[in-house]
Amino acid sequence: MTDEDKRMYESHKEHGSDMTYENESSAPSPMVQISLKEYDKLKEQQKFITDPSLISIIDKIEELTRALRKHIVRKL
């Protein structure tokens, strides 16, 4: 293989590599469009805790707090 052949091979190899990335810029956008009504509904839901595992932790804290309150003696 001559030097000229090697250069052409390398050039062709790089061109093939470039072609694999050619369509990446035209990939669909990750953005989603929703109506303002749906957006407002999602924003309202954001104020509430809905994760079941988190709710069970909060319930357990509440139960332990009630048990501790039984042992509090306030002296006036």
C-alpha atoms as a PDB file:
ATOM      1  CA  MET A   1       0.000   0.000   0.000  1.00  0.00           C
ATOM      2  CA  THR A   2       1.473   3.313  -1.051  1.00  0.00           C
ATOM      3  CA  ASP A   3       1.451   6.504   1.008  1.00  0.00           C
ATOM      4  CA  GLU A   4      -1.226   7.919  -1.296  1.00  0.00           C
ATOM      5  CA  ASP A   5      -3.418   4.845  -0.724  1.00  0.00           C
ATOM      6  CA  LYS A   6      -2.956   5.147   3.052  1.00  0.00           C
ATOM      7  CA  ARG A   7      -3.980   8.828   2.989  1.00  0.00           C
ATOM      8  CA  MET A   8      -7.073   8.042   0.924  1.00  0.00           C
ATOM      9  CA  TYR A   9      -7.981   5.181   3.258  1.00  0.00           C
ATOM     10  CA  GLU A  10      -7.607   7.389   6.341  1.00  0.00           C
ATOM     11  CA  SER A  11      -9.629  10.160   4.692  1.00  0.00           C
ATOM     12  CA  HIS A  12     -12.384   7.711   3.772  1.00  0.00           C
ATOM     13  CA  LYS A  13     -12.374   6.234   7.295  1.00  0.00           C
ATOM     14  CA  GLU A  14     -12.777   9.693   8.866  1.00  0.00           C
ATOM     15  CA  HIS A  15     -15.592  10.542   6.445  1.00  0.00           C
ATOM     16  CA  GLY A  16     -17.424   7.356   7.460  1.00  0.00           C
ATOM     17  CA  SER A  17     -17.019   8.291  11.117  1.00  0.00           C
ATOM     18  CA  ASP A  18     -18.405  11.774  10.407  1.00  0.00           C
ATOM     19  CA  MET A  19     -21.420  10.264   8.656  1.00  0.00           C
ATOM     20  CA  THR A  20     -22.426   8.374  11.816  1.00  0.00           C
ATOM     21  CA  TYR A  21     -22.989  11.702  13.612  1.00  0.00           C
ATOM     22  CA  GLU A  22     -24.691  13.421  10.702  1.00  0.00           C
ATOM     23  CA  ASN A  23     -28.289  12.962  11.865  1.00  0.00           C
ATOM     24  CA  GLU A  24     -27.747  13.686  15.542  1.00  0.00           C
ATOM     25  CA  SER A  25     -28.558  17.369  15.193  1.00  0.00           C
ATOM     26  CA  SER A  26     -31.943  16.536  13.673  1.00  0.00           C
ATOM     27  CA  ALA A  27     -32.961  14.306  16.604  1.00  0.00           C
ATOM     28  CA  PRO A  28     -36.372  15.081  18.072  1.00  0.00           C
ATOM     29  CA  SER A  29     -36.412  17.624  20.856  1.00  0.00           C
ATOM     30  CA  PRO A  30     -36.907  16.284  24.419  1.00  0.00           C
ATOM     31  CA  MET A  31     -39.361  19.121  25.101  1.00  0.00           C
ATOM     32  CA  VAL A  32     -43.060  18.347  25.446  1.00  0.00           C
ATOM     33  CA  GLN A  33     -45.919  20.754  24.903  1.00  0.00           C
ATOM     34  CA  ILE A  34     -48.897  20.747  27.278  1.00  0.00           C
ATOM     35  CA  SER A  35     -51.807  23.103  27.689  1.00  0.00           C
ATOM     36  CA  LEU A  36     -51.755  25.830  30.336  1.00  0.00           C
ATOM     37  CA  LYS A  37     -54.598  24.070  32.129  1.00  0.00           C
ATOM     38  CA  GLU A  38     -52.532  20.875  32.414  1.00  0.00           C
ATOM     39  CA  TYR A  39     -49.488  22.904  33.492  1.00  0.00           C
ATOM     40  CA  ASP A  40     -51.467  24.632  36.257  1.00  0.00           C
ATOM     41  CA  LYS A  41     -52.768  21.259  37.423  1.00  0.00           C
ATOM     42  CA  LEU A  42     -49.211  19.864  37.601  1.00  0.00           C
ATOM     43  CA  LYS A  43     -47.985  22.942  39.486  1.00  0.00           C
ATOM     44  CA  GLU A  44     -50.838  22.505  42.006  1.00  0.00           C
ATOM     45  CA  GLN A  45     -49.989  18.814  42.518  1.00  0.00           C
ATOM     46  CA  GLN A  46     -46.378  19.789  43.186  1.00  0.00           C
ATOM     47  CA  LYS A  47     -47.463  21.216  46.551  1.00  0.00           C
ATOM     48  CA  PHE A  48     -48.535  17.801  47.864  1.00  0.00           C
ATOM     49  CA  ILE A  49     -46.601  14.723  48.941  1.00  0.00           C
ATOM     50  CA  THR A  50     -47.663  11.715  46.877  1.00  0.00           C
ATOM     51  CA  ASP A  51     -44.726   9.317  47.195  1.00  0.00           C
ATOM     52  CA  PRO A  52     -45.961   6.264  49.164  1.00  0.00           C
ATOM     53  CA  SER A  53     -42.600   5.615  50.840  1.00  0.00           C
ATOM     54  CA  LEU A  54     -42.349   9.231  51.994  1.00  0.00           C
ATOM     55  CA  ILE A  55     -45.933   9.141  53.286  1.00  0.00           C
ATOM     56  CA  SER A  56     -45.179   6.028  55.339  1.00  0.00           C
ATOM     57  CA  ILE A  57     -42.105   7.725  56.853  1.00  0.00           C
ATOM     58  CA  ILE A  58     -44.195  10.764  57.820  1.00  0.00           C
ATOM     59  CA  ASP A  59     -46.840   8.488  59.358  1.00  0.00           C
ATOM     60  CA  LYS A  60     -44.152   6.733  61.406  1.00  0.00           C
ATOM     61  CA  ILE A  61     -42.779  10.090  62.639  1.00  0.00           C
ATOM     62  CA  GLU A  62     -46.298  11.107  63.662  1.00  0.00           C
ATOM     63  CA  GLU A  63     -46.767   7.829  65.553  1.00  0.00           C
ATOM     64  CA  LEU A  64     -43.436   8.218  67.375  1.00  0.00           C
ATOM     65  CA  THR A  65     -44.205  11.862  68.229  1.00  0.00           C
ATOM     66  CA  ARG A  66     -47.536  10.846  69.814  1.00  0.00           C
ATOM     67  CA  ALA A  67     -45.740   8.162  71.861  1.00  0.00           C
ATOM     68  CA  LEU A  68     -43.143  10.694  73.065  1.00  0.00           C
ATOM     69  CA  ARG A  69     -45.808  13.250  74.044  1.00  0.00           C
ATOM     70  CA  LYS A  70     -47.176  10.788  76.590  1.00  0.00           C
ATOM     71  CA  HIS A  71     -43.905  11.103  78.531  1.00  0.00           C
ATOM     72  CA  ILE A  72     -43.726  14.902  78.623  1.00  0.00           C
ATOM     73  CA  VAL A  73     -44.312  16.482  82.029  1.00  0.00           C
ATOM     74  CA  ARG A  74     -44.582  20.251  82.041  1.00  0.00           C
ATOM     75  CA  LYS A  75     -44.041  22.030  85.319  1.00  0.00           C
ATOM     76  CA  LEU A  76     -45.582  25.474  85.649  1.00  0.00           C
END
